[in-house]
PDB file of all heavy atoms in Angstrom:
ATOM      1  N   ALA A   1      23.934 -78.224  65.448  1.00  0.00           N
ATOM      2  CA  ALA A   1      24.556 -77.791  66.701  1.00  0.00           C
ATOM      3  C   ALA A   1      23.686 -78.150  67.907  1.00  0.00           C
ATOM      4  O   ALA A   1      22.457 -78.211  67.800  1.00  0.00           O
ATOM      5  CB  ALA A   1      24.801 -76.294  66.670  1.00  0.00           C
ATOM      6  N   PRO A   2      24.329 -78.364  69.064  1.00  0.00           N
ATOM      7  CA  PRO A   2      23.565 -78.571  70.285  1.00  0.00           C
ATOM      8  C   PRO A   2      23.386 -77.277  71.072  1.00  0.00           C
ATOM      9  O   PRO A   2      24.269 -76.418  71.105  1.00  0.00           O
ATOM     10  CB  PRO A   2      24.448 -79.535  71.089  1.00  0.00           C
ATOM     11  CG  PRO A   2      25.845 -79.169  70.676  1.00  0.00           C
ATOM     12  CD  PRO A   2      25.759 -78.653  69.263  1.00  0.00           C
ATOM     13  N   VAL A   3      22.228 -77.138  71.684  1.00  0.00           N
ATOM     14  CA  VAL A   3      22.012 -76.140  72.710  1.00  0.00           C
ATOM     15  C   VAL A   3      21.929 -76.905  74.020  1.00  0.00           C
ATOM     16  O   VAL A   3      21.280 -77.955  74.105  1.00  0.00           O
ATOM     17  CB  VAL A   3      20.751 -75.304  72.411  1.00  0.00           C
ATOM     18  CG1 VAL A   3      19.503 -76.160  72.352  1.00  0.00           C
ATOM     19  CG2 VAL A   3      20.580 -74.189  73.414  1.00  0.00           C
ATOM     20  N   CYS A   4      22.629 -76.409  75.061  1.00  0.00           N
ATOM     21  CA  CYS A   4      22.834 -77.205  76.279  1.00  0.00           C
ATOM     22  C   CYS A   4      22.739 -76.324  77.508  1.00  0.00           C
ATOM     23  O   CYS A   4      23.200 -75.169  77.500  1.00  0.00           O
ATOM     24  CB  CYS A   4      24.225 -77.864  76.202  1.00  0.00           C
ATOM     25  SG  CYS A   4      24.692 -78.853  77.641  1.00  0.00           S
ATOM     26  N   LEU A   5      22.156 -76.861  78.561  1.00  0.00           N
ATOM     27  CA  LEU A   5      22.187 -76.164  79.847  1.00  0.00           C
ATOM     28  C   LEU A   5      23.634 -75.863  80.233  1.00  0.00           C
ATOM     29  O   LEU A   5      24.496 -76.734  80.148  1.00  0.00           O
ATOM     30  CB  LEU A   5      21.532 -77.012  80.932  1.00  0.00           C
ATOM     31  CG  LEU A   5      20.002 -77.158  80.878  1.00  0.00           C
ATOM     32  CD1 LEU A   5      19.547 -78.201  81.893  1.00  0.00           C
ATOM     33  CD2 LEU A   5      19.318 -75.818  81.131  1.00  0.00           C
ATOM     34  N   GLU A   6      23.880 -74.630  80.650  1.00  0.00           N
ATOM     35  CA  GLU A   6      25.241 -74.221  80.990  1.00  0.00           C
ATOM     36  C   GLU A   6      25.847 -75.147  82.048  1.00  0.00           C
ATOM     37  O   GLU A   6      27.023 -75.515  81.968  1.00  0.00           O
ATOM     38  CB  GLU A   6      25.210 -72.781  81.495  1.00  0.00           C
ATOM     39  CG  GLU A   6      26.563 -72.150  81.707  1.00  0.00           C
ATOM     40  CD  GLU A   6      26.446 -70.700  82.125  1.00  0.00           C
ATOM     41  OE1 GLU A   6      26.072 -69.864  81.271  1.00  0.00           O
ATOM     42  OE2 GLU A   6      26.718 -70.400  83.313  1.00  0.00           O
ATOM     43  N   GLU A   7      25.044 -75.562  83.011  1.00  0.00           N
ATOM     44  CA  GLU A   7      25.557 -76.390  84.099  1.00  0.00           C
ATOM     45  C   GLU A   7      25.857 -77.825  83.673  1.00  0.00           C
ATOM     46  O   GLU A   7      26.541 -78.567  84.384  1.00  0.00           O
ATOM     47  CB  GLU A   7      24.577 -76.394  85.278  1.00  0.00           C
ATOM     48  CG  GLU A   7      23.174 -76.886  84.951  1.00  0.00           C
ATOM     49  CD  GLU A   7      22.214 -75.785  84.568  1.00  0.00           C
ATOM     50  OE1 GLU A   7      22.667 -74.755  84.007  1.00  0.00           O
ATOM     51  OE2 GLU A   7      21.002 -75.940  84.838  1.00  0.00           O
ATOM     52  N   ASP A   8      25.368 -78.242  82.498  1.00  0.00           N
ATOM     53  CA  ASP A   8      25.610 -79.601  82.006  1.00  0.00           C
ATOM     54  C   ASP A   8      26.654 -79.662  80.895  1.00  0.00           C
ATOM     55  O   ASP A   8      26.998 -80.749  80.418  1.00  0.00           O
ATOM     56  CB  ASP A   8      24.305 -80.215  81.474  1.00  0.00           C
ATOM     57  CG  ASP A   8      23.301 -80.509  82.579  1.00  0.00           C
ATOM     58  OD1 ASP A   8      23.679 -80.413  83.765  1.00  0.00           O
ATOM     59  OD2 ASP A   8      22.144 -80.824  82.253  1.00  0.00           O
ATOM     60  N   ALA A   9      27.151 -78.505  80.480  1.00  0.00           N
ATOM     61  CA  ALA A   9      28.037 -78.458  79.310  1.00  0.00           C
ATOM     62  C   ALA A   9      29.352 -79.183  79.551  1.00  0.00           C
ATOM     63  O   ALA A   9      29.894 -79.817  78.643  1.00  0.00           O
ATOM     64  CB  ALA A   9      28.293 -77.004  78.915  1.00  0.00           C
ATOM     65  N   LYS A  10      29.877 -79.122  80.756  1.00  0.00           N
ATOM     66  CA  LYS A  10      31.135 -79.820  81.042  1.00  0.00           C
ATOM     67  C   LYS A  10      30.938 -81.332  80.993  1.00  0.00           C
ATOM     68  O   LYS A  10      31.774 -82.068  80.447  1.00  0.00           O
ATOM     69  CB  LYS A  10      31.681 -79.407  82.403  1.00  0.00           C
ATOM     70  CG  LYS A  10      33.023 -80.043  82.729  1.00  0.00           C
ATOM     71  CD  LYS A  10      33.567 -79.551  84.061  1.00  0.00           C
ATOM     72  CE  LYS A  10      34.916 -80.183  84.357  1.00  0.00           C
ATOM     73  NZ  LYS A  10      35.482 -79.711  85.665  1.00  0.00           N
ATOM     74  N   LYS A  11      29.818 -81.809  81.519  1.00  0.00           N
ATOM     75  CA  LYS A  11      29.559 -83.245  81.572  1.00  0.00           C
ATOM     76  C   LYS A  11      29.440 -83.841  80.180  1.00  0.00           C
ATOM     77  O   LYS A  11      30.017 -84.903  79.893  1.00  0.00           O
ATOM     78  CB  LYS A  11      28.278 -83.500  82.362  1.00  0.00           C
ATOM     79  CG  LYS A  11      27.887 -84.972  82.447  1.00  0.00           C
ATOM     80  CD  LYS A  11      26.613 -85.141  83.273  1.00  0.00           C
ATOM     81  CE  LYS A  11      26.225 -86.608  83.385  1.00  0.00           C
ATOM     82  NZ  LYS A  11      24.983 -86.784  84.191  1.00  0.00           N
ATOM     83  N   TRP A  12      28.725 -83.171  79.282  1.00  0.00           N
ATOM     84  CA  TRP A  12      28.436 -83.764  77.980  1.00  0.00           C
ATOM     85  C   TRP A  12      29.411 -83.347  76.889  1.00  0.00           C
ATOM     86  O   TRP A  12      29.594 -84.073  75.918  1.00  0.00           O
ATOM     87  CB  TRP A  12      27.012 -83.413  77.538  1.00  0.00           C
ATOM     88  CG  TRP A  12      25.942 -83.879  78.469  1.00  0.00           C
ATOM     89  CD1 TRP A  12      24.955 -83.136  79.024  1.00  0.00           C
ATOM     90  CD2 TRP A  12      25.737 -85.210  78.963  1.00  0.00           C
ATOM     91  NE1 TRP A  12      24.151 -83.883  79.837  1.00  0.00           N
ATOM     92  CE2 TRP A  12      24.614 -85.189  79.814  1.00  0.00           C
ATOM     93  CE3 TRP A  12      26.395 -86.421  78.778  1.00  0.00           C
ATOM     94  CZ2 TRP A  12      24.133 -86.310  80.466  1.00  0.00           C
ATOM     95  CZ3 TRP A  12      25.923 -87.553  79.434  1.00  0.00           C
ATOM     96  CH2 TRP A  12      24.815 -87.496  80.258  1.00  0.00           C
ATOM     97  N   PHE A  13      30.064 -82.166  77.069  1.00  0.00           N
ATOM     98  CA  PHE A  13      30.929 -81.657  75.997  1.00  0.00           C
ATOM     99  C   PHE A  13      32.296 -81.171  76.484  1.00  0.00           C
ATOM    100  O   PHE A  13      33.066 -80.635  75.682  1.00  0.00           O
ATOM    101  CB  PHE A  13      30.218 -80.518  75.255  1.00  0.00           C
ATOM    102  CG  PHE A  13      28.920 -80.923  74.632  1.00  0.00           C
ATOM    103  CD1 PHE A  13      27.717 -80.612  75.238  1.00  0.00           C
ATOM    104  CD2 PHE A  13      28.901 -81.635  73.441  1.00  0.00           C
ATOM    105  CE1 PHE A  13      26.504 -80.992  74.674  1.00  0.00           C
ATOM    106  CE2 PHE A  13      27.701 -82.023  72.865  1.00  0.00           C
ATOM    107  CZ  PHE A  13      26.501 -81.703  73.484  1.00  0.00           C
ATOM    108  N   GLY A  14      32.591 -81.339  77.760  1.00  0.00           N
ATOM    109  CA  GLY A  14      33.887 -80.875  78.264  1.00  0.00           C
ATOM    110  C   GLY A  14      34.038 -79.370  78.241  1.00  0.00           C
ATOM    111  O   GLY A  14      35.157 -78.852  78.275  1.00  0.00           O
ATOM    112  N   CYS A  15      32.934 -78.649  78.188  1.00  0.00           N
ATOM    113  CA  CYS A  15      32.949 -77.187  78.145  1.00  0.00           C
ATOM    114  C   CYS A  15      32.764 -76.661  79.563  1.00  0.00           C
ATOM    115  O   CYS A  15      31.674 -76.775  80.132  1.00  0.00           O
ATOM    116  CB  CYS A  15      31.831 -76.682  77.227  1.00  0.00           C
ATOM    117  SG  CYS A  15      31.668 -74.898  77.162  1.00  0.00           S
ATOM    118  N   ASN A  16      33.817 -76.088  80.124  1.00  0.00           N
ATOM    119  CA  ASN A  16      33.768 -75.695  81.538  1.00  0.00           C
ATOM    120  C   ASN A  16      33.568 -74.203  81.749  1.00  0.00           C
ATOM    121  O   ASN A  16      33.832 -73.680  82.831  1.00  0.00           O
ATOM    122  CB  ASN A  16      35.034 -76.154  82.259  1.00  0.00           C
ATOM    123  CG  ASN A  16      36.299 -75.614  81.620  1.00  0.00           C
ATOM    124  OD1 ASN A  16      36.230 -74.776  80.732  1.00  0.00           O
ATOM    125  ND2 ASN A  16      37.444 -76.094  82.074  1.00  0.00           N
ATOM    126  N   GLN A  17      33.121 -73.494  80.715  1.00  0.00           N
ATOM    127  CA  GLN A  17      32.811 -72.077  80.862  1.00  0.00           C
ATOM    128  C   GLN A  17      31.673 -71.721  79.921  1.00  0.00           C
ATOM    129  O   GLN A  17      31.402 -72.453  78.963  1.00  0.00           O
ATOM    130  CB  GLN A  17      34.039 -71.225  80.561  1.00  0.00           C
ATOM    131  CG  GLN A  17      34.623 -71.430  79.183  1.00  0.00           C
ATOM    132  CD  GLN A  17      35.938 -70.680  79.010  1.00  0.00           C
ATOM    133  OE1 GLN A  17      36.386 -69.931  79.876  1.00  0.00           O
ATOM    134  NE2 GLN A  17      36.569 -70.877  77.869  1.00  0.00           N
ATOM    135  N   PRO A  18      30.983 -70.609  80.175  1.00  0.00           N
ATOM    136  CA  PRO A  18      29.875 -70.244  79.282  1.00  0.00           C
ATOM    137  C   PRO A  18      30.350 -70.079  77.841  1.00  0.00           C
ATOM    138  O   PRO A  18      31.421 -69.547  77.574  1.00  0.00           O
ATOM    139  CB  PRO A  18      29.387 -68.910  79.868  1.00  0.00           C
ATOM    140  CG  PRO A  18      29.793 -68.945  81.304  1.00  0.00           C
ATOM    141  CD  PRO A  18      31.104 -69.684  81.323  1.00  0.00           C
ATOM    142  N   SER A  19      29.532 -70.564  76.899  1.00  0.00           N
ATOM    143  CA  SER A  19      29.799 -70.406  75.470  1.00  0.00           C
ATOM    144  C   SER A  19      28.455 -70.116  74.797  1.00  0.00           C
ATOM    145  O   SER A  19      27.887 -70.961  74.105  1.00  0.00           O
ATOM    146  CB  SER A  19      30.441 -71.676  74.899  1.00  0.00           C
ATOM    147  OG  SER A  19      30.818 -71.493  73.551  1.00  0.00           O
ATOM    148  N   PRO A  20      27.923 -68.897  75.020  1.00  0.00           N
ATOM    149  CA  PRO A  20      26.519 -68.632  74.670  1.00  0.00           C
ATOM    150  C   PRO A  20      26.251 -68.275  73.221  1.00  0.00           C
ATOM    151  O   PRO A  20      25.091 -68.110  72.852  1.00  0.00           O
ATOM    152  CB  PRO A  20      26.174 -67.442  75.578  1.00  0.00           C
ATOM    153  CG  PRO A  20      27.471 -66.713  75.747  1.00  0.00           C
ATOM    154  CD  PRO A  20      28.538 -67.772  75.753  1.00  0.00           C
ATOM    155  N   PHE A  21      27.314 -68.167  72.371  1.00  0.00           N
ATOM    156  CA  PHE A  21      27.088 -67.644  71.029  1.00  0.00           C
ATOM    157  C   PHE A  21      27.456 -68.625  69.912  1.00  0.00           C
ATOM    158  O   PHE A  21      27.566 -68.256  68.755  1.00  0.00           O
ATOM    159  CB  PHE A  21      27.858 -66.336  70.839  1.00  0.00           C
ATOM    160  CG  PHE A  21      27.584 -65.327  71.914  1.00  0.00           C
ATOM    161  CD1 PHE A  21      28.621 -64.737  72.609  1.00  0.00           C
ATOM    162  CD2 PHE A  21      26.282 -64.998  72.255  1.00  0.00           C
ATOM    163  CE1 PHE A  21      28.374 -63.817  73.616  1.00  0.00           C
ATOM    164  CE2 PHE A  21      26.015 -64.078  73.258  1.00  0.00           C
ATOM    165  CZ  PHE A  21      27.071 -63.485  73.944  1.00  0.00           C
ATOM    166  N   MET A  22      27.685 -69.898  70.254  1.00  0.00           N
ATOM    167  CA  MET A  22      27.943 -70.932  69.260  1.00  0.00           C
ATOM    168  C   MET A  22      29.146 -70.564  68.382  1.00  0.00           C
ATOM    169  O   MET A  22      29.075 -70.569  67.165  1.00  0.00           O
ATOM    170  CB  MET A  22      26.705 -71.155  68.393  1.00  0.00           C
ATOM    171  CG  MET A  22      26.670 -72.528  67.699  1.00  0.00           C
ATOM    172  SD  MET A  22      25.311 -72.671  66.512  1.00  0.00           S
ATOM    173  CE  MET A  22      23.894 -72.546  67.591  1.00  0.00           C
ATOM    174  N   LEU A  23      30.286 -70.266  69.032  1.00  0.00           N
ATOM    175  CA  LEU A  23      31.471 -69.812  68.319  1.00  0.00           C
ATOM    176  C   LEU A  23      32.700 -70.679  68.551  1.00  0.00           C
ATOM    177  O   LEU A  23      33.773 -70.383  68.013  1.00  0.00           O
ATOM    178  CB  LEU A  23      31.784 -68.361  68.702  1.00  0.00           C
ATOM    179  CG  LEU A  23      30.795 -67.326  68.160  1.00  0.00           C
ATOM    180  CD1 LEU A  23      30.996 -65.981  68.837  1.00  0.00           C
ATOM    181  CD2 LEU A  23      30.920 -67.186  66.651  1.00  0.00           C
ATOM    182  N   PHE A  24      32.556 -71.744  69.338  1.00  0.00           N
ATOM    183  CA  PHE A  24      33.685 -72.619  69.637  1.00  0.00           C
ATOM    184  C   PHE A  24      33.215 -74.074  69.559  1.00  0.00           C
ATOM    185  O   PHE A  24      32.033 -74.377  69.752  1.00  0.00           O
ATOM    186  CB  PHE A  24      34.260 -72.332  71.032  1.00  0.00           C
ATOM    187  CG  PHE A  24      34.779 -70.932  71.189  1.00  0.00           C
ATOM    188  CD1 PHE A  24      33.957 -69.913  71.642  1.00  0.00           C
ATOM    189  CD2 PHE A  24      36.095 -70.635  70.859  1.00  0.00           C
ATOM    190  CE1 PHE A  24      34.429 -68.616  71.774  1.00  0.00           C
ATOM    191  CE2 PHE A  24      36.577 -69.343  70.989  1.00  0.00           C
ATOM    192  CZ  PHE A  24      35.752 -68.329  71.449  1.00  0.00           C
ATOM    193  N   THR A  25      34.142 -74.963  69.269  1.00  0.00           N
ATOM    194  CA  THR A  25      33.819 -76.388  69.249  1.00  0.00           C
ATOM    195  C   THR A  25      34.332 -77.061  70.513  1.00  0.00           C
ATOM    196  O   THR A  25      35.347 -76.649  71.091  1.00  0.00           O
ATOM    197  CB  THR A  25      34.437 -77.089  68.028  1.00  0.00           C
ATOM    198  OG1 THR A  25      35.848 -76.859  68.004  1.00  0.00           O
ATOM    199  CG2 THR A  25      33.818 -76.584  66.748  1.00  0.00           C
ATOM    200  N   HIS A  26      33.636 -78.105  70.915  1.00  0.00           N
ATOM    201  CA  HIS A  26      34.037 -78.931  72.060  1.00  0.00           C
ATOM    202  C   HIS A  26      33.784 -80.390  71.695  1.00  0.00           C
ATOM    203  O   HIS A  26      32.933 -80.695  70.857  1.00  0.00           O
ATOM    204  CB  HIS A  26      33.258 -78.536  73.311  1.00  0.00           C
ATOM    205  CG  HIS A  26      33.553 -77.144  73.782  1.00  0.00           C
ATOM    206  ND1 HIS A  26      34.568 -76.848  74.657  1.00  0.00           N
ATOM    207  CD2 HIS A  26      32.978 -75.962  73.457  1.00  0.00           C
ATOM    208  CE1 HIS A  26      34.600 -75.550  74.862  1.00  0.00           C
ATOM    209  NE2 HIS A  26      33.639 -74.988  74.155  1.00  0.00           N
ATOM    210  N   ARG A  27      34.512 -81.268  72.333  1.00  0.00           N
ATOM    211  CA  ARG A  27      34.421 -82.687  71.989  1.00  0.00           C
ATOM    212  C   ARG A  27      33.360 -83.372  72.843  1.00  0.00           C
ATOM    213  O   ARG A  27      33.358 -83.252  74.066  1.00  0.00           O
ATOM    214  CB  ARG A  27      35.787 -83.360  72.185  1.00  0.00           C
ATOM    215  CG  ARG A  27      35.851 -84.770  71.620  1.00  0.00           C
ATOM    216  CD  ARG A  27      37.280 -85.175  71.356  1.00  0.00           C
ATOM    217  NE  ARG A  27      37.885 -84.353  70.304  1.00  0.00           N
ATOM    218  CZ  ARG A  27      37.732 -84.574  69.011  1.00  0.00           C
ATOM    219  NH1 ARG A  27      36.970 -85.581  68.584  1.00  0.00           N
ATOM    220  NH2 ARG A  27      38.317 -83.793  68.136  1.00  0.00           N
ATOM    221  N   ALA A  28      32.442 -84.072  72.184  1.00  0.00           N
ATOM    222  CA  ALA A  28      31.368 -84.774  72.883  1.00  0.00           C
ATOM    223  C   ALA A  28      31.945 -85.854  73.787  1.00  0.00           C
ATOM    224  O   ALA A  28      32.871 -86.578  73.406  1.00  0.00           O
ATOM    225  CB  ALA A  28      30.399 -85.381  71.883  1.00  0.00           C
ATOM    226  N   LYS A  29      31.391 -85.967  74.982  1.00  0.00           N
ATOM    227  CA  LYS A  29      31.864 -86.930  75.972  1.00  0.00           C
ATOM    228  C   LYS A  29      30.972 -88.161  76.059  1.00  0.00           C
ATOM    229  O   LYS A  29      31.173 -89.008  76.930  1.00  0.00           O
ATOM    230  CB  LYS A  29      31.931 -86.256  77.353  1.00  0.00           C
ATOM    231  CG  LYS A  29      32.857 -85.053  77.416  1.00  0.00           C
ATOM    232  CD  LYS A  29      34.299 -85.439  77.136  1.00  0.00           C
ATOM    233  CE  LYS A  29      35.234 -84.234  77.249  1.00  0.00           C
ATOM    234  NZ  LYS A  29      36.635 -84.587  76.930  1.00  0.00           N
ATOM    235  N   THR A  30      29.997 -88.259  75.185  1.00  0.00           N
ATOM    236  CA  THR A  30      29.083 -89.396  75.189  1.00  0.00           C
ATOM    237  C   THR A  30      28.708 -89.734  73.754  1.00  0.00           C
ATOM    238  O   THR A  30      28.740 -88.868  72.876  1.00  0.00           O
ATOM    239  CB  THR A  30      27.808 -89.073  75.990  1.00  0.00           C
ATOM    240  OG1 THR A  30      26.887 -90.161  75.873  1.00  0.00           O
ATOM    241  CG2 THR A  30      27.132 -87.805  75.486  1.00  0.00           C
ATOM    242  N   GLN A  31      28.360 -90.983  73.523  1.00  0.00           N
ATOM    243  CA  GLN A  31      27.883 -91.404  72.216  1.00  0.00           C
ATOM    244  C   GLN A  31      26.360 -91.338  72.112  1.00  0.00           C
ATOM    245  O   GLN A  31      25.782 -91.743  71.092  1.00  0.00           O
ATOM    246  CB  GLN A  31      28.372 -92.825  71.924  1.00  0.00           C
ATOM    247  CG  GLN A  31      29.888 -92.934  71.829  1.00  0.00           C
ATOM    248  CD  GLN A  31      30.353 -94.340  71.489  1.00  0.00           C
ATOM    249  OE1 GLN A  31      29.564 -95.283  71.455  1.00  0.00           O
ATOM    250  NE2 GLN A  31      31.646 -94.472  71.218  1.00  0.00           N
ATOM    251  N   ALA A  32      25.728 -90.804  73.145  1.00  0.00           N
ATOM    252  CA  ALA A  32      24.260 -90.763  73.166  1.00  0.00           C
ATOM    253  C   ALA A  32      23.696 -89.588  72.371  1.00  0.00           C
ATOM    254  O   ALA A  32      22.486 -89.536  72.134  1.00  0.00           O
ATOM    255  CB  ALA A  32      23.767 -90.674  74.608  1.00  0.00           C
ATOM    256  N   LEU A  33      24.553 -88.647  71.946  1.00  0.00           N
ATOM    257  CA  LEU A  33      24.077 -87.422  71.317  1.00  0.00           C
ATOM    258  C   LEU A  33      24.462 -87.389  69.839  1.00  0.00           C
ATOM    259  O   LEU A  33      25.096 -86.454  69.344  1.00  0.00           O
ATOM    260  CB  LEU A  33      24.647 -86.207  72.069  1.00  0.00           C
ATOM    261  CG  LEU A  33      24.311 -86.140  73.566  1.00  0.00           C
ATOM    262  CD1 LEU A  33      25.061 -85.012  74.241  1.00  0.00           C
ATOM    263  CD2 LEU A  33      22.808 -85.991  73.779  1.00  0.00           C
TER     264      LEU A  33
END
């Protein structure tokens, strides 16, 4: 699993709200990870 700065989550994973407990999946927006 990735741990990510909250402010960068939308850019790298399309996550536009806090998800602090690793309970939801999001689609990676880059092939760098």
